[in-house]
C-alpha cells in the first residue's frame, strides 16, 4: 500500500488517465475530485462491500424453481 500526503489543491496521478485532486479537508472529511475516462469504474469501497454481501446473500437463497417447489408443497399441505 502506498501512503501519500497531499494538501488542498494538490493532485496525484494513477496511471496516465486518472487524476485525483484534494479539493477540501474539513471536520475530519476529505473532498476529492477524480478525473478519469468514462470507461474507468469509480466506486466507494463500502458500496463494493455491500454489493458483494448482496451477491452472497442471493447465492444462499433458493433458486426460483426450488422456491416454486416449496410453495407447491405448502399448498398441498393446506
PDB file of N, CA and C in Angstrom:
ATOM      1  N   UNK A   1       0.850  -1.171   0.000  1.00  0.00           N
ATOM      2  CA  UNK A   1       0.000   0.000   0.000  1.00  0.00           C
ATOM      3  C   UNK A   1       0.897   1.235   0.000  1.00  0.00           C
ATOM      4  N   UNK A   2       0.538   2.164  -0.818  1.00  0.00           N
ATOM      5  CA  UNK A   2       1.262   3.431  -0.893  1.00  0.00           C
ATOM      6  C   UNK A   2       0.492   4.470  -0.083  1.00  0.00           C
ATOM      7  N   UNK A   3       1.179   5.193   0.774  1.00  0.00           N
ATOM      8  CA  UNK A   3       0.552   6.248   1.574  1.00  0.00           C
ATOM      9  C   UNK A   3       1.194   7.574   1.181  1.00  0.00           C
ATOM     10  N   UNK A   4       0.346   8.520   0.781  1.00  0.00           N
ATOM     11  CA  UNK A   4       0.817   9.835   0.359  1.00  0.00           C
ATOM     12  C   UNK A   4       0.162  10.913   1.200  1.00  0.00           C
ATOM     13  N   UNK A   5       0.833  12.015   1.324  1.00  0.00           N
ATOM     14  CA  UNK A   5       0.232  13.192   1.948  1.00  0.00           C
ATOM     15  C   UNK A   5       0.037  14.234   0.861  1.00  0.00           C
ATOM     16  N   UNK A   6      -1.135  14.821   0.827  1.00  0.00           N
ATOM     17  CA  UNK A   6      -1.451  15.861  -0.140  1.00  0.00           C
ATOM     18  C   UNK A   6      -2.170  16.982   0.586  1.00  0.00           C
ATOM     19  N   UNK A   7      -1.963  18.197   0.147  1.00  0.00           N
ATOM     20  CA  UNK A   7      -2.656  19.363   0.689  1.00  0.00           C
ATOM     21  C   UNK A   7      -3.785  19.728  -0.258  1.00  0.00           C
ATOM     22  N   UNK A   8      -4.686  20.598   0.226  1.00  0.00           N
ATOM     23  CA  UNK A   8      -5.765  21.076  -0.635  1.00  0.00           C
ATOM     24  C   UNK A   8      -5.187  21.606  -1.932  1.00  0.00           C
ATOM     25  N   UNK A   9      -5.826  21.239  -3.032  1.00  0.00           N
ATOM     26  CA  UNK A   9      -5.392  21.703  -4.343  1.00  0.00           C
ATOM     27  C   UNK A   9      -4.323  20.834  -4.985  1.00  0.00           C
ATOM     28  N   UNK A  10      -3.696  19.950  -4.228  1.00  0.00           N
ATOM     29  CA  UNK A  10      -2.669  19.075  -4.789  1.00  0.00           C
ATOM     30  C   UNK A  10      -3.320  17.816  -5.364  1.00  0.00           C
ATOM     31  N   UNK A  11      -2.626  17.220  -6.319  1.00  0.00           N
ATOM     32  CA  UNK A  11      -3.157  16.057  -7.026  1.00  0.00           C
ATOM     33  C   UNK A  11      -2.197  14.892  -6.964  1.00  0.00           C
ATOM     34  N   UNK A  12      -2.705  13.745  -7.398  1.00  0.00           N
ATOM     35  CA  UNK A  12      -1.869  12.581  -7.655  1.00  0.00           C
ATOM     36  C   UNK A  12      -2.409  11.916  -8.901  1.00  0.00           C
ATOM     37  N   UNK A  13      -1.534  11.257  -9.614  1.00  0.00           N
ATOM     38  CA  UNK A  13      -1.910  10.586 -10.845  1.00  0.00           C
ATOM     39  C   UNK A  13      -1.870   9.080 -10.635  1.00  0.00           C
ATOM     40  N   UNK A  14      -2.849   8.413 -11.203  1.00  0.00           N
ATOM     41  CA  UNK A  14      -2.896   6.949 -11.207  1.00  0.00           C
ATOM     42  C   UNK A  14      -2.860   6.535 -12.662  1.00  0.00           C
ATOM     43  N   UNK A  15      -1.770   5.922 -13.042  1.00  0.00           N
ATOM     44  CA  UNK A  15      -1.584   5.614 -14.453  1.00  0.00           C
ATOM     45  C   UNK A  15      -1.446   6.923 -15.222  1.00  0.00           C
ATOM     46  N   UNK A  16      -1.885   6.909 -16.466  1.00  0.00           N
ATOM     47  CA  UNK A  16      -1.804   8.116 -17.282  1.00  0.00           C
ATOM     48  C   UNK A  16      -3.148   8.818 -17.406  1.00  0.00           C
ATOM     49  N   UNK A  17      -4.232   8.125 -17.019  1.00  0.00           N
ATOM     50  CA  UNK A  17      -5.568   8.640 -17.304  1.00  0.00           C
ATOM     51  C   UNK A  17      -6.360   9.107 -16.091  1.00  0.00           C
ATOM     52  N   UNK A  18      -5.898   8.817 -14.890  1.00  0.00           N
ATOM     53  CA  UNK A  18      -6.695   9.130 -13.695  1.00  0.00           C
ATOM     54  C   UNK A  18      -5.948  10.140 -12.834  1.00  0.00           C
ATOM     55  N   UNK A  19      -6.629  11.241 -12.503  1.00  0.00           N
ATOM     56  CA  UNK A  19      -6.056  12.264 -11.632  1.00  0.00           C
ATOM     57  C   UNK A  19      -7.000  12.472 -10.449  1.00  0.00           C
ATOM     58  N   UNK A  20      -6.449  12.415  -9.245  1.00  0.00           N
ATOM     59  CA  UNK A  20      -7.215  12.629  -8.019  1.00  0.00           C
ATOM     60  C   UNK A  20      -6.686  13.905  -7.373  1.00  0.00           C
ATOM     61  N   UNK A  21      -7.599  14.860  -7.131  1.00  0.00           N
ATOM     62  CA  UNK A  21      -7.228  16.144  -6.547  1.00  0.00           C
ATOM     63  C   UNK A  21      -7.935  16.317  -5.214  1.00  0.00           C
ATOM     64  N   UNK A  22      -7.188  16.759  -4.200  1.00  0.00           N
ATOM     65  CA  UNK A  22      -7.783  17.064  -2.896  1.00  0.00           C
ATOM     66  C   UNK A  22      -8.444  18.433  -3.009  1.00  0.00           C
ATOM     67  N   UNK A  23      -9.753  18.460  -2.869  1.00  0.00           N
ATOM     68  CA  UNK A  23     -10.493  19.713  -3.007  1.00  0.00           C
ATOM     69  C   UNK A  23     -10.622  20.442  -1.666  1.00  0.00           C
ATOM     70  N   UNK A  24     -10.849  19.683  -0.585  1.00  0.00           N
ATOM     71  CA  UNK A  24     -11.019  20.314   0.733  1.00  0.00           C
ATOM     72  C   UNK A  24     -10.778  19.289   1.827  1.00  0.00           C
ATOM     73  N   UNK A  25     -10.297  19.779   2.947  1.00  0.00           N
ATOM     74  CA  UNK A  25     -10.152  18.970   4.155  1.00  0.00           C
ATOM     75  C   UNK A  25     -10.793  19.767   5.274  1.00  0.00           C
ATOM     76  N   UNK A  26     -11.879  19.242   5.846  1.00  0.00           N
ATOM     77  CA  UNK A  26     -12.582  19.970   6.899  1.00  0.00           C
ATOM     78  C   UNK A  26     -13.346  18.990   7.778  1.00  0.00           C
ATOM     79  N   UNK A  27     -13.299  19.221   9.058  1.00  0.00           N
ATOM     80  CA  UNK A  27     -14.037  18.420  10.048  1.00  0.00           C
ATOM     81  C   UNK A  27     -13.792  16.920   9.876  1.00  0.00           C
ATOM     82  N   UNK A  28     -12.558  16.556   9.640  1.00  0.00           N
ATOM     83  CA  UNK A  28     -12.225  15.138   9.544  1.00  0.00           C
ATOM     84  C   UNK A  28     -12.653  14.479   8.243  1.00  0.00           C
ATOM     85  N   UNK A  29     -13.076  15.256   7.265  1.00  0.00           N
ATOM     86  CA  UNK A  29     -13.512  14.716   5.977  1.00  0.00           C
ATOM     87  C   UNK A  29     -12.653  15.295   4.863  1.00  0.00           C
ATOM     88  N   UNK A  30     -12.453  14.512   3.838  1.00  0.00           N
ATOM     89  CA  UNK A  30     -11.672  14.938   2.685  1.00  0.00           C
ATOM     90  C   UNK A  30     -12.579  14.899   1.464  1.00  0.00           C
ATOM     91  N   UNK A  31     -12.601  15.972   0.711  1.00  0.00           N
ATOM     92  CA  UNK A  31     -13.352  16.015  -0.554  1.00  0.00           C
ATOM     93  C   UNK A  31     -12.355  15.827  -1.681  1.00  0.00           C
ATOM     94  N   UNK A  32     -12.614  14.831  -2.516  1.00  0.00           N
ATOM     95  CA  UNK A  32     -11.731  14.511  -3.622  1.00  0.00           C
ATOM     96  C   UNK A  32     -12.434  14.751  -4.945  1.00  0.00           C
ATOM     97  N   UNK A  33     -11.687  15.204  -5.925  1.00  0.00           N
ATOM     98  CA  UNK A  33     -12.174  15.294  -7.305  1.00  0.00           C
ATOM     99  C   UNK A  33     -11.394  14.252  -8.095  1.00  0.00           C
ATOM    100  N   UNK A  34     -12.114  13.439  -8.845  1.00  0.00           N
ATOM    101  CA  UNK A  34     -11.475  12.377  -9.621  1.00  0.00           C
ATOM    102  C   UNK A  34     -11.783  12.611 -11.089  1.00  0.00           C
ATOM    103  N   UNK A  35     -10.730  12.739 -11.868  1.00  0.00           N
ATOM    104  CA  UNK A  35     -10.884  12.898 -13.307  1.00  0.00           C
ATOM    105  C   UNK A  35     -10.372  11.624 -13.954  1.00  0.00           C
ATOM    106  N   UNK A  36     -11.286  10.931 -14.652  1.00  0.00           N
ATOM    107  CA  UNK A  36     -10.927   9.664 -15.264  1.00  0.00           C
ATOM    108  C   UNK A  36     -11.792   9.440 -16.499  1.00  0.00           C
ATOM    109  N   UNK A  37     -11.331   8.594 -17.414  1.00  0.00           N
ATOM    110  CA  UNK A  37     -12.155   8.260 -18.575  1.00  0.00           C
ATOM    111  C   UNK A  37     -13.452   7.566 -18.127  1.00  0.00           C
ATOM    112  N   UNK A  38     -14.499   7.697 -18.920  1.00  0.00           N
ATOM    113  CA  UNK A  38     -15.778   7.067 -18.574  1.00  0.00           C
ATOM    114  C   UNK A  38     -15.661   5.551 -18.452  1.00  0.00           C
ATOM    115  N   UNK A  39     -14.699   4.968 -19.102  1.00  0.00           N
ATOM    116  CA  UNK A  39     -14.533   3.509 -19.065  1.00  0.00           C
ATOM    117  C   UNK A  39     -13.984   3.018 -17.725  1.00  0.00           C
ATOM    118  N   UNK A  40     -13.514   3.926 -16.876  1.00  0.00           N
ATOM    119  CA  UNK A  40     -12.956   3.554 -15.575  1.00  0.00           C
ATOM    120  C   UNK A  40     -14.072   3.597 -14.533  1.00  0.00           C
ATOM    121  N   UNK A  41     -14.285   2.477 -13.861  1.00  0.00           N
ATOM    122  CA  UNK A  41     -15.299   2.407 -12.812  1.00  0.00           C
ATOM    123  C   UNK A  41     -14.747   3.020 -11.539  1.00  0.00           C
ATOM    124  N   UNK A  42     -15.518   3.927 -10.946  1.00  0.00           N
ATOM    125  CA  UNK A  42     -15.145   4.536  -9.672  1.00  0.00           C
ATOM    126  C   UNK A  42     -16.272   4.222  -8.699  1.00  0.00           C
ATOM    127  N   UNK A  43     -15.944   3.533  -7.613  1.00  0.00           N
ATOM    128  CA  UNK A  43     -16.954   3.069  -6.671  1.00  0.00           C
ATOM    129  C   UNK A  43     -16.424   3.209  -5.256  1.00  0.00           C
ATOM    130  N   UNK A  44     -17.249   3.769  -4.374  1.00  0.00           N
ATOM    131  CA  UNK A  44     -16.853   3.848  -2.963  1.00  0.00           C
ATOM    132  C   UNK A  44     -16.717   2.432  -2.417  1.00  0.00           C
ATOM    133  N   UNK A  45     -15.706   2.200  -1.584  1.00  0.00           N
ATOM    134  CA  UNK A  45     -15.416   0.848  -1.109  1.00  0.00           C
ATOM    135  C   UNK A  45     -16.581   0.243  -0.342  1.00  0.00           C
ATOM    136  N   UNK A  46     -17.324   1.054   0.422  1.00  0.00           N
ATOM    137  CA  UNK A  46     -18.445   0.484   1.182  1.00  0.00           C
ATOM    138  C   UNK A  46     -19.551  -0.017   0.257  1.00  0.00           C
ATOM    139  N   UNK A  47     -19.690   0.577  -0.918  1.00  0.00           N
ATOM    140  CA  UNK A  47     -20.685   0.087  -1.872  1.00  0.00           C
ATOM    141  C   UNK A  47     -20.240  -1.232  -2.482  1.00  0.00           C
ATOM    142  N   UNK A  48     -18.957  -1.377  -2.715  1.00  0.00           N
ATOM    143  CA  UNK A  48     -18.441  -2.645  -3.238  1.00  0.00           C
ATOM    144  C   UNK A  48     -18.650  -3.761  -2.226  1.00  0.00           C
ATOM    145  N   UNK A  49     -18.404  -3.478  -0.955  1.00  0.00           N
ATOM    146  CA  UNK A  49     -18.609  -4.469   0.108  1.00  0.00           C
ATOM    147  C   UNK A  49     -20.084  -4.843   0.197  1.00  0.00           C
ATOM    148  N   UNK A  50     -20.977  -3.843   0.129  1.00  0.00           N
ATOM    149  CA  UNK A  50     -22.416  -4.101   0.199  1.00  0.00           C
ATOM    150  C   UNK A  50     -22.884  -4.931  -0.994  1.00  0.00           C
ATOM    151  N   UNK A  51     -22.375  -4.636  -2.179  1.00  0.00           N
ATOM    152  CA  UNK A  51     -22.758  -5.393  -3.371  1.00  0.00           C
ATOM    153  C   UNK A  51     -22.307  -6.845  -3.245  1.00  0.00           C
ATOM    154  N   UNK A  52     -21.109  -7.061  -2.722  1.00  0.00           N
ATOM    155  CA  UNK A  52     -20.616  -8.426  -2.535  1.00  0.00           C
ATOM    156  C   UNK A  52     -21.474  -9.174  -1.521  1.00  0.00           C
ATOM    157  N   UNK A  53     -21.825  -8.518  -0.422  1.00  0.00           N
ATOM    158  CA  UNK A  53     -22.685  -9.143   0.592  1.00  0.00           C
ATOM    159  C   UNK A  53     -24.044  -9.479  -0.009  1.00  0.00           C
ATOM    160  N   UNK A  54     -24.560  -8.601  -0.850  1.00  0.00           N
ATOM    161  CA  UNK A  54     -25.848  -8.839  -1.505  1.00  0.00           C
ATOM    162  C   UNK A  54     -25.772 -10.056  -2.420  1.00  0.00           C
ATOM    163  N   UNK A  55     -24.668 -10.162  -3.189  1.00  0.00           N
ATOM    164  CA  UNK A  55     -24.491 -11.318  -4.074  1.00  0.00           C
ATOM    165  C   UNK A  55     -24.407 -12.608  -3.269  1.00  0.00           C
ATOM    166  N   UNK A  56     -23.673 -12.570  -2.165  1.00  0.00           N
ATOM    167  CA  UNK A  56     -23.541 -13.770  -1.335  1.00  0.00           C
ATOM    168  C   UNK A  56     -24.885 -14.174  -0.741  1.00  0.00           C
ATOM    169  N   UNK A  57     -25.679 -13.203  -0.311  1.00  0.00           N
ATOM    170  CA  UNK A  57     -26.997 -13.499   0.241  1.00  0.00           C
ATOM    171  C   UNK A  57     -27.896 -14.098  -0.837  1.00  0.00           C
ATOM    172  N   UNK A  58     -27.804 -13.572  -2.048  1.00  0.00           N
ATOM    173  CA  UNK A  58     -28.619 -14.091  -3.145  1.00  0.00           C
ATOM    174  C   UNK A  58     -28.209 -15.515  -3.495  1.00  0.00           C
ATOM    175  N   UNK A  59     -26.923 -15.829  -3.402  1.00  0.00           N
ATOM    176  CA  UNK A  59     -26.444 -17.185  -3.688  1.00  0.00           C
ATOM    177  C   UNK A  59     -26.965 -18.184  -2.669  1.00  0.00           C
ATOM    178  N   UNK A  60     -27.199 -17.737  -1.432  1.00  0.00           N
ATOM    179  CA  UNK A  60     -27.672 -18.619  -0.375  1.00  0.00           C
ATOM    180  C   UNK A  60     -29.169 -18.895  -0.473  1.00  0.00           C
ATOM    181  N   UNK A  61     -29.898 -18.084  -1.238  1.00  0.00           N
ATOM    182  CA  UNK A  61     -31.335 -18.252  -1.363  1.00  0.00           C
ATOM    183  C   UNK A  61     -31.660 -19.377  -2.329  1.00  0.00           C
ATOM    184  N   UNK A  62     -32.891 -19.835  -2.268  1.00  0.00           N
ATOM    185  CA  UNK A  62     -33.346 -20.857  -3.188  1.00  0.00           C
ATOM    186  C   UNK A  62     -33.478 -20.285  -4.587  1.00  0.00           C
ATOM    187  N   UNK A  63     -33.260 -21.136  -5.580  1.00  0.00           N
ATOM    188  CA  UNK A  63     -33.488 -20.711  -6.958  1.00  0.00           C
ATOM    189  C   UNK A  63     -34.994 -20.554  -7.153  1.00  0.00           C
ATOM    190  N   UNK A  64     -35.422 -19.805  -8.183  1.00  0.00           N
ATOM    191  CA  UNK A  64     -36.859 -19.648  -8.417  1.00  0.00           C
ATOM    192  C   UNK A  64     -37.598 -20.977  -8.560  1.00  0.00           C
ATOM    193  N   UNK A  65     -36.979 -21.963  -9.221  1.00  0.00           N
ATOM    194  CA  UNK A  65     -37.630 -23.270  -9.370  1.00  0.00           C
ATOM    195  C   UNK A  65     -37.747 -23.993  -8.038  1.00  0.00           C
ATOM    196  N   UNK A  66     -36.713 -23.908  -7.211  1.00  0.00           N
ATOM    197  CA  UNK A  66     -36.774 -24.522  -5.886  1.00  0.00           C
ATOM    198  C   UNK A  66     -37.844 -23.849  -5.037  1.00  0.00           C
ATOM    199  N   UNK A  67     -37.927 -22.534  -5.110  1.00  0.00           N
ATOM    200  CA  UNK A  67     -38.928 -21.791  -4.358  1.00  0.00           C
ATOM    201  C   UNK A  67     -40.329 -22.182  -4.805  1.00  0.00           C
ATOM    202  N   UNK A  68     -40.534 -22.337  -6.106  1.00  0.00           N
ATOM    203  CA  UNK A  68     -41.836 -22.748  -6.630  1.00  0.00           C
ATOM    204  C   UNK A  68     -42.208 -24.129  -6.095  1.00  0.00           C
ATOM    205  N   UNK A  69     -41.226 -25.025  -6.035  1.00  0.00           N
ATOM    206  CA  UNK A  69     -41.477 -26.359  -5.482  1.00  0.00           C
ATOM    207  C   UNK A  69     -41.878 -26.295  -4.020  1.00  0.00           C
ATOM    208  N   UNK A  70     -41.232 -25.453  -3.254  1.00  0.00           N
ATOM    209  CA  UNK A  70     -41.569 -25.286  -1.839  1.00  0.00           C
ATOM    210  C   UNK A  70     -42.989 -24.756  -1.694  1.00  0.00           C
ATOM    211  N   UNK A  71     -43.337 -23.774  -2.506  1.00  0.00           N
ATOM    212  CA  UNK A  71     -44.684 -23.204  -2.449  1.00  0.00           C
ATOM    213  C   UNK A  71     -45.744 -24.236  -2.836  1.00  0.00           C
ATOM    214  N   UNK A  72     -45.463 -25.057  -3.839  1.00  0.00           N
ATOM    215  CA  UNK A  72     -46.410 -26.106  -4.238  1.00  0.00           C
ATOM    216  C   UNK A  72     -46.612 -27.109  -3.106  1.00  0.00           C
ATOM    217  N   UNK A  73     -45.526 -27.499  -2.430  1.00  0.00           N
ATOM    218  CA  UNK A  73     -45.622 -28.434  -1.309  1.00  0.00           C
ATOM    219  C   UNK A  73     -46.464 -27.858  -0.180  1.00  0.00           C
ATOM    220  N   UNK A  74     -46.300 -26.579   0.097  1.00  0.00           N
ATOM    221  CA  UNK A  74     -47.087 -25.927   1.156  1.00  0.00           C
ATOM    222  C   UNK A  74     -48.555 -25.893   0.769  1.00  0.00           C
ATOM    223  N   UNK A  75     -48.840 -25.690  -0.512  1.00  0.00           N
ATOM    224  CA  UNK A  75     -50.220 -25.655  -0.984  1.00  0.00           C
ATOM    225  C   UNK A  75     -50.900 -27.006  -0.835  1.00  0.00           C
ATOM    226  N   UNK A  76     -50.155 -28.084  -1.006  1.00  0.00           N
ATOM    227  CA  UNK A  76     -50.704 -29.443  -0.861  1.00  0.00           C
ATOM    228  C   UNK A  76     -51.052 -29.752   0.589  1.00  0.00           C
ATOM    229  N   UNK A  77     -50.272 -29.191   1.525  1.00  0.00           N
ATOM    230  CA  UNK A  77     -50.487 -29.442   2.954  1.00  0.00           C
ATOM    231  C   UNK A  77     -51.741 -28.756   3.478  1.00  0.00           C
ATOM    232  N   UNK A  78     -52.124 -27.670   2.838  1.00  0.00           N
ATOM    233  CA  UNK A  78     -53.252 -26.880   3.327  1.00  0.00           C
ATOM    234  C   UNK A  78     -54.511 -27.391   2.789  1.00  0.00           C
TER     235      UNK A  78
END
